Amino acid sequence: MLKKQAISNKLMEKIVLGSFETVQINSRKIKAKIDSGADGSSICTSIIKSLELKPLGKKIKIKSSHGATKRELFLGEIIIKGKKLTIEFTAIDRSKLNAKILIGKDILKKGFLVDVSK
């Protein structure tokens, strides 16, 4: 019984996110896609400068269904439902997508659950 209660308490500590959430970066609110299938988080190249994100001066290889690419890394602080995190974003053109930011497992594992019904 204690084991079930411990699991239940851990779940209650998590912040529940829907498929899309409004996040805040440098006082700017932006719509983000929550993707539990994505390993990392990415941001649209068109908003990096206006958000004043810091380039890390390195690129990493990203594998996707479209093949492998090298993407530049940027550092930024993000607030999701009141939780402030410093994270690395990879830069990619997301201008034709519904959200300029994609939040992946690198962020979700820091205390979030995804409920796609929200």
N, C-alpha and C. Protein backbone atom coordinates (compact mmCIF):
# COMPACT_ATOMS: atom_id res chain seq x y z
N MET A 1 0.82 -1.20 0.00
CA MET A 1 0.00 0.00 0.00
C MET A 1 0.86 1.27 0.00
N LEU A 2 1.94 1.26 0.74
CA LEU A 2 2.82 2.43 0.78
C LEU A 2 3.44 2.72 -0.58
N LYS A 3 3.75 1.67 -1.33
CA LYS A 3 4.36 1.86 -2.64
C LYS A 3 3.39 2.57 -3.58
N LYS A 4 2.12 2.17 -3.56
CA LYS A 4 1.12 2.83 -4.40
C LYS A 4 0.95 4.28 -3.99
N GLN A 5 0.99 4.56 -2.70
CA GLN A 5 0.84 5.92 -2.21
C GLN A 5 2.05 6.77 -2.63
N ALA A 6 3.24 6.20 -2.59
CA ALA A 6 4.45 6.92 -3.00
C ALA A 6 4.38 7.27 -4.48
N ILE A 7 3.91 6.34 -5.30
CA ILE A 7 3.77 6.60 -6.74
C ILE A 7 2.73 7.70 -6.96
N SER A 8 1.62 7.61 -6.26
CA SER A 8 0.56 8.60 -6.38
C SER A 8 1.07 9.99 -5.98
N ASN A 9 1.84 10.09 -4.91
CA ASN A 9 2.39 11.37 -4.47
C ASN A 9 3.34 11.96 -5.51
N LYS A 10 4.16 11.10 -6.14
CA LYS A 10 5.08 11.58 -7.17
C LYS A 10 4.31 12.15 -8.37
N LEU A 11 3.22 11.47 -8.75
CA LEU A 11 2.42 11.94 -9.87
C LEU A 11 1.77 13.27 -9.54
N MET A 12 1.37 13.45 -8.30
CA MET A 12 0.72 14.69 -7.89
C MET A 12 1.69 15.86 -7.90
N GLU A 13 2.98 15.61 -7.79
CA GLU A 13 3.99 16.66 -7.82
C GLU A 13 4.26 17.16 -9.23
N LYS A 14 3.86 16.41 -10.23
CA LYS A 14 4.12 16.76 -11.62
C LYS A 14 3.16 17.85 -12.09
N ILE A 15 3.62 18.67 -13.01
CA ILE A 15 2.80 19.70 -13.64
C ILE A 15 2.24 19.11 -14.92
N VAL A 16 0.93 19.17 -15.08
CA VAL A 16 0.27 18.58 -16.24
C VAL A 16 0.19 19.60 -17.37
N LEU A 17 0.66 19.18 -18.54
CA LEU A 17 0.64 20.02 -19.74
C LEU A 17 -0.28 19.39 -20.78
N GLY A 18 -0.86 20.23 -21.63
CA GLY A 18 -1.64 19.75 -22.76
C GLY A 18 -0.77 19.66 -24.00
N SER A 19 -1.38 19.41 -25.14
CA SER A 19 -0.63 19.30 -26.40
C SER A 19 0.03 20.61 -26.81
N PHE A 20 -0.61 21.73 -26.46
CA PHE A 20 -0.06 23.06 -26.71
C PHE A 20 -0.14 23.84 -25.41
N GLU A 21 0.89 24.63 -25.13
CA GLU A 21 0.92 25.47 -23.94
C GLU A 21 1.53 26.82 -24.31
N THR A 22 1.12 27.85 -23.57
CA THR A 22 1.76 29.16 -23.71
C THR A 22 2.93 29.19 -22.74
N VAL A 23 4.11 29.48 -23.26
CA VAL A 23 5.31 29.55 -22.43
C VAL A 23 5.83 30.99 -22.47
N GLN A 24 6.71 31.31 -21.56
CA GLN A 24 7.28 32.65 -21.51
C GLN A 24 8.79 32.58 -21.63
N ILE A 25 9.32 33.36 -22.55
CA ILE A 25 10.77 33.49 -22.72
C ILE A 25 11.08 34.97 -22.76
N ASN A 26 11.91 35.44 -21.82
CA ASN A 26 12.28 36.86 -21.74
C ASN A 26 11.05 37.78 -21.81
N SER A 27 10.08 37.53 -20.98
CA SER A 27 8.85 38.33 -20.86
C SER A 27 7.93 38.26 -22.08
N ARG A 28 8.22 37.40 -23.01
CA ARG A 28 7.37 37.25 -24.20
C ARG A 28 6.64 35.91 -24.14
N LYS A 29 5.33 35.94 -24.33
CA LYS A 29 4.53 34.72 -24.32
C LYS A 29 4.42 34.16 -25.72
N ILE A 30 4.67 32.84 -25.83
CA ILE A 30 4.70 32.18 -27.13
C ILE A 30 4.03 30.82 -27.02
N LYS A 31 3.31 30.45 -28.06
CA LYS A 31 2.66 29.14 -28.12
C LYS A 31 3.72 28.07 -28.39
N ALA A 32 3.67 26.99 -27.60
CA ALA A 32 4.63 25.89 -27.75
C ALA A 32 3.89 24.57 -27.95
N LYS A 33 4.43 23.74 -28.80
CA LYS A 33 3.93 22.38 -29.01
C LYS A 33 4.63 21.48 -28.01
N ILE A 34 3.87 20.68 -27.28
CA ILE A 34 4.43 19.74 -26.33
C ILE A 34 4.50 18.39 -27.04
N ASP A 35 5.70 17.84 -27.16
CA ASP A 35 5.91 16.62 -27.93
C ASP A 35 6.73 15.60 -27.13
N SER A 36 6.03 14.64 -26.54
CA SER A 36 6.71 13.63 -25.73
C SER A 36 7.49 12.63 -26.59
N GLY A 37 7.37 12.73 -27.89
CA GLY A 37 8.13 11.86 -28.79
C GLY A 37 9.44 12.48 -29.25
N ALA A 38 9.61 13.76 -29.00
CA ALA A 38 10.83 14.47 -29.41
C ALA A 38 11.86 14.40 -28.29
N ASP A 39 13.07 14.05 -28.62
CA ASP A 39 14.13 13.98 -27.60
C ASP A 39 14.49 15.35 -27.05
N GLY A 40 14.61 16.33 -27.94
CA GLY A 40 15.04 17.66 -27.52
C GLY A 40 14.04 18.73 -27.89
N SER A 41 14.30 19.93 -27.44
CA SER A 41 13.44 21.08 -27.70
C SER A 41 14.04 21.94 -28.81
N SER A 42 13.15 22.56 -29.59
CA SER A 42 13.64 23.41 -30.68
C SER A 42 12.86 24.71 -30.74
N ILE A 43 13.45 25.67 -31.42
CA ILE A 43 12.84 27.00 -31.54
C ILE A 43 13.02 27.48 -32.98
N CYS A 44 12.05 28.25 -33.45
CA CYS A 44 12.09 28.75 -34.82
C CYS A 44 13.20 29.79 -34.98
N THR A 45 13.93 29.66 -36.04
CA THR A 45 15.04 30.58 -36.31
C THR A 45 14.57 32.03 -36.42
N SER A 46 13.32 32.25 -36.80
CA SER A 46 12.82 33.61 -37.01
C SER A 46 12.61 34.40 -35.72
N ILE A 47 12.56 33.74 -34.56
CA ILE A 47 12.32 34.47 -33.30
C ILE A 47 13.51 34.48 -32.35
N ILE A 48 14.59 33.83 -32.72
CA ILE A 48 15.76 33.74 -31.84
C ILE A 48 16.32 35.12 -31.49
N LYS A 49 16.47 35.96 -32.49
CA LYS A 49 17.07 37.29 -32.26
C LYS A 49 16.18 38.15 -31.37
N SER A 50 14.87 38.15 -31.64
CA SER A 50 13.96 38.99 -30.85
C SER A 50 13.85 38.52 -29.40
N LEU A 51 14.12 37.25 -29.14
CA LEU A 51 14.09 36.72 -27.78
C LEU A 51 15.43 36.86 -27.07
N GLU A 52 16.43 37.33 -27.80
CA GLU A 52 17.77 37.54 -27.26
C GLU A 52 18.36 36.26 -26.64
N LEU A 53 18.19 35.14 -27.35
CA LEU A 53 18.76 33.88 -26.88
C LEU A 53 20.26 33.87 -27.15
N LYS A 54 20.99 33.21 -26.26
CA LYS A 54 22.45 33.18 -26.36
C LYS A 54 22.90 31.99 -27.21
N PRO A 55 23.65 32.26 -28.29
CA PRO A 55 24.20 31.14 -29.06
C PRO A 55 25.30 30.45 -28.27
N LEU A 56 25.32 29.13 -28.29
CA LEU A 56 26.34 28.39 -27.56
C LEU A 56 27.58 28.13 -28.41
N GLY A 57 27.52 28.50 -29.68
CA GLY A 57 28.68 28.36 -30.54
C GLY A 57 28.99 26.93 -30.94
N LYS A 58 27.98 26.07 -30.87
CA LYS A 58 28.19 24.68 -31.32
C LYS A 58 26.93 24.16 -31.98
N LYS A 59 27.13 23.13 -32.78
CA LYS A 59 26.02 22.48 -33.48
C LYS A 59 25.98 21.02 -33.05
N ILE A 60 24.77 20.46 -33.06
CA ILE A 60 24.63 19.04 -32.76
C ILE A 60 23.86 18.36 -33.89
N LYS A 61 24.09 17.08 -34.03
CA LYS A 61 23.43 16.29 -35.05
C LYS A 61 22.07 15.84 -34.53
N ILE A 62 21.03 16.10 -35.31
CA ILE A 62 19.66 15.72 -34.95
C ILE A 62 19.14 14.75 -36.00
N LYS A 63 18.61 13.63 -35.55
CA LYS A 63 18.00 12.66 -36.46
C LYS A 63 16.49 12.79 -36.36
N SER A 64 15.84 12.84 -37.52
CA SER A 64 14.38 12.90 -37.57
C SER A 64 13.90 12.03 -38.72
N SER A 65 12.59 12.02 -38.92
CA SER A 65 12.03 11.23 -40.02
C SER A 65 12.45 11.79 -41.37
N HIS A 66 12.95 13.02 -41.39
CA HIS A 66 13.41 13.65 -42.64
C HIS A 66 14.90 13.46 -42.88
N GLY A 67 15.57 12.75 -41.98
CA GLY A 67 17.01 12.52 -42.11
C GLY A 67 17.78 13.20 -40.99
N ALA A 68 19.08 13.24 -41.13
CA ALA A 68 19.94 13.84 -40.11
C ALA A 68 20.39 15.23 -40.55
N THR A 69 20.38 16.16 -39.60
CA THR A 69 20.84 17.53 -39.86
C THR A 69 21.68 18.01 -38.69
N LYS A 70 22.48 19.04 -38.93
CA LYS A 70 23.22 19.68 -37.84
C LYS A 70 22.50 20.98 -37.52
N ARG A 71 22.23 21.19 -36.24
CA ARG A 71 21.52 22.40 -35.81
C ARG A 71 22.32 23.14 -34.76
N GLU A 72 22.25 24.46 -34.85
CA GLU A 72 22.92 25.32 -33.88
C GLU A 72 22.15 25.31 -32.56
N LEU A 73 22.88 25.40 -31.45
CA LEU A 73 22.29 25.40 -30.11
C LEU A 73 22.22 26.81 -29.54
N PHE A 74 21.11 27.09 -28.85
CA PHE A 74 20.90 28.37 -28.18
C PHE A 74 20.45 28.10 -26.75
N LEU A 75 20.87 28.97 -25.85
CA LEU A 75 20.53 28.85 -24.43
C LEU A 75 19.48 29.88 -24.08
N GLY A 76 18.48 29.46 -23.31
CA GLY A 76 17.45 30.40 -22.90
C GLY A 76 16.76 29.96 -21.62
N GLU A 77 16.11 30.92 -20.97
CA GLU A 77 15.30 30.62 -19.80
C GLU A 77 13.84 30.62 -20.23
N ILE A 78 13.13 29.62 -19.79
CA ILE A 78 11.73 29.45 -20.16
C ILE A 78 10.91 29.24 -18.90
N ILE A 79 9.70 29.77 -18.92
CA ILE A 79 8.77 29.54 -17.82
C ILE A 79 7.57 28.80 -18.39
N ILE A 80 7.32 27.62 -17.82
CA ILE A 80 6.17 26.80 -18.23
C ILE A 80 5.31 26.58 -17.00
N LYS A 81 4.09 27.11 -17.05
CA LYS A 81 3.15 26.99 -15.93
C LYS A 81 3.80 27.34 -14.59
N GLY A 82 4.56 28.42 -14.57
CA GLY A 82 5.17 28.91 -13.34
C GLY A 82 6.52 28.30 -12.99
N LYS A 83 6.95 27.29 -13.72
CA LYS A 83 8.24 26.64 -13.46
C LYS A 83 9.29 27.23 -14.40
N LYS A 84 10.36 27.78 -13.81
CA LYS A 84 11.43 28.42 -14.58
C LYS A 84 12.57 27.44 -14.80
N LEU A 85 12.99 27.31 -16.06
CA LEU A 85 14.06 26.38 -16.43
C LEU A 85 15.03 27.05 -17.39
N THR A 86 16.29 26.69 -17.29
CA THR A 86 17.29 27.10 -18.28
C THR A 86 17.48 25.90 -19.20
N ILE A 87 17.28 26.12 -20.50
CA ILE A 87 17.35 24.99 -21.44
C ILE A 87 18.11 25.36 -22.70
N GLU A 88 18.50 24.31 -23.42
CA GLU A 88 19.13 24.46 -24.72
C GLU A 88 18.10 24.14 -25.80
N PHE A 89 17.98 25.02 -26.77
CA PHE A 89 17.12 24.83 -27.92
C PHE A 89 17.98 24.57 -29.15
N THR A 90 17.51 23.72 -30.04
CA THR A 90 18.13 23.65 -31.36
C THR A 90 17.32 24.58 -32.26
N ALA A 91 17.98 25.19 -33.22
CA ALA A 91 17.33 26.15 -34.11
C ALA A 91 16.93 25.47 -35.42
N ILE A 92 15.69 25.71 -35.82
CA ILE A 92 15.17 25.17 -37.08
C ILE A 92 14.03 26.08 -37.55
N ASP A 93 13.78 26.08 -38.85
CA ASP A 93 12.67 26.87 -39.38
C ASP A 93 11.35 26.17 -39.05
N ARG A 94 10.57 26.76 -38.16
CA ARG A 94 9.25 26.23 -37.78
C ARG A 94 8.14 27.17 -38.25
N SER A 95 8.45 28.05 -39.20
CA SER A 95 7.51 29.09 -39.62
C SER A 95 6.22 28.53 -40.23
N LYS A 96 6.26 27.34 -40.78
CA LYS A 96 5.07 26.75 -41.40
C LYS A 96 4.31 25.83 -40.43
N LEU A 97 4.77 25.78 -39.18
CA LEU A 97 4.14 24.92 -38.19
C LEU A 97 3.26 25.73 -37.25
N ASN A 98 2.42 25.06 -36.47
CA ASN A 98 1.47 25.72 -35.58
C ASN A 98 2.11 26.43 -34.40
N ALA A 99 3.31 26.04 -34.03
CA ALA A 99 3.97 26.63 -32.86
C ALA A 99 5.44 26.90 -33.18
N LYS A 100 5.93 28.04 -32.71
CA LYS A 100 7.32 28.43 -32.96
C LYS A 100 8.31 27.69 -32.06
N ILE A 101 7.78 27.03 -31.01
CA ILE A 101 8.64 26.31 -30.07
C ILE A 101 8.12 24.89 -29.92
N LEU A 102 9.03 23.94 -29.85
CA LEU A 102 8.69 22.55 -29.56
C LEU A 102 9.38 22.17 -28.26
N ILE A 103 8.60 21.67 -27.32
CA ILE A 103 9.13 21.22 -26.03
C ILE A 103 9.20 19.71 -26.06
N GLY A 104 10.42 19.17 -25.90
CA GLY A 104 10.64 17.74 -25.97
C GLY A 104 10.93 17.11 -24.60
N LYS A 105 11.33 15.86 -24.64
CA LYS A 105 11.57 15.08 -23.42
C LYS A 105 12.66 15.67 -22.54
N ASP A 106 13.61 16.41 -23.13
CA ASP A 106 14.66 17.02 -22.31
C ASP A 106 14.06 17.95 -21.25
N ILE A 107 12.94 18.57 -21.55
CA ILE A 107 12.24 19.45 -20.61
C ILE A 107 11.19 18.67 -19.82
N LEU A 108 10.44 17.84 -20.50
CA LEU A 108 9.33 17.13 -19.86
C LEU A 108 9.77 16.27 -18.68
N LYS A 109 10.97 15.72 -18.75
CA LYS A 109 11.45 14.86 -17.66
C LYS A 109 11.81 15.65 -16.40
N LYS A 110 11.70 16.98 -16.46
CA LYS A 110 12.02 17.83 -15.31
C LYS A 110 10.78 18.17 -14.47
N GLY A 111 9.81 17.26 -14.46
CA GLY A 111 8.65 17.44 -13.60
C GLY A 111 7.33 17.70 -14.28
N PHE A 112 7.18 17.22 -15.51
CA PHE A 112 5.94 17.45 -16.25
C PHE A 112 5.31 16.13 -16.72
N LEU A 113 4.01 16.15 -16.85
CA LEU A 113 3.24 15.06 -17.46
C LEU A 113 2.46 15.67 -18.62
N VAL A 114 2.18 14.87 -19.64
CA VAL A 114 1.42 15.36 -20.78
C VAL A 114 0.06 14.66 -20.81
N ASP A 115 -1.00 15.47 -20.86
CA ASP A 115 -2.36 14.97 -20.99
C ASP A 115 -2.90 15.55 -22.30
N VAL A 116 -2.97 14.72 -23.34
CA VAL A 116 -3.36 15.21 -24.67
C VAL A 116 -4.83 15.61 -24.74
N SER A 117 -5.62 15.28 -23.73
CA SER A 117 -7.02 15.70 -23.72
C SER A 117 -7.17 17.16 -23.30
N LYS A 118 -6.09 17.79 -22.86
CA LYS A 118 -6.14 19.21 -22.45
C LYS A 118 -5.77 20.12 -23.57
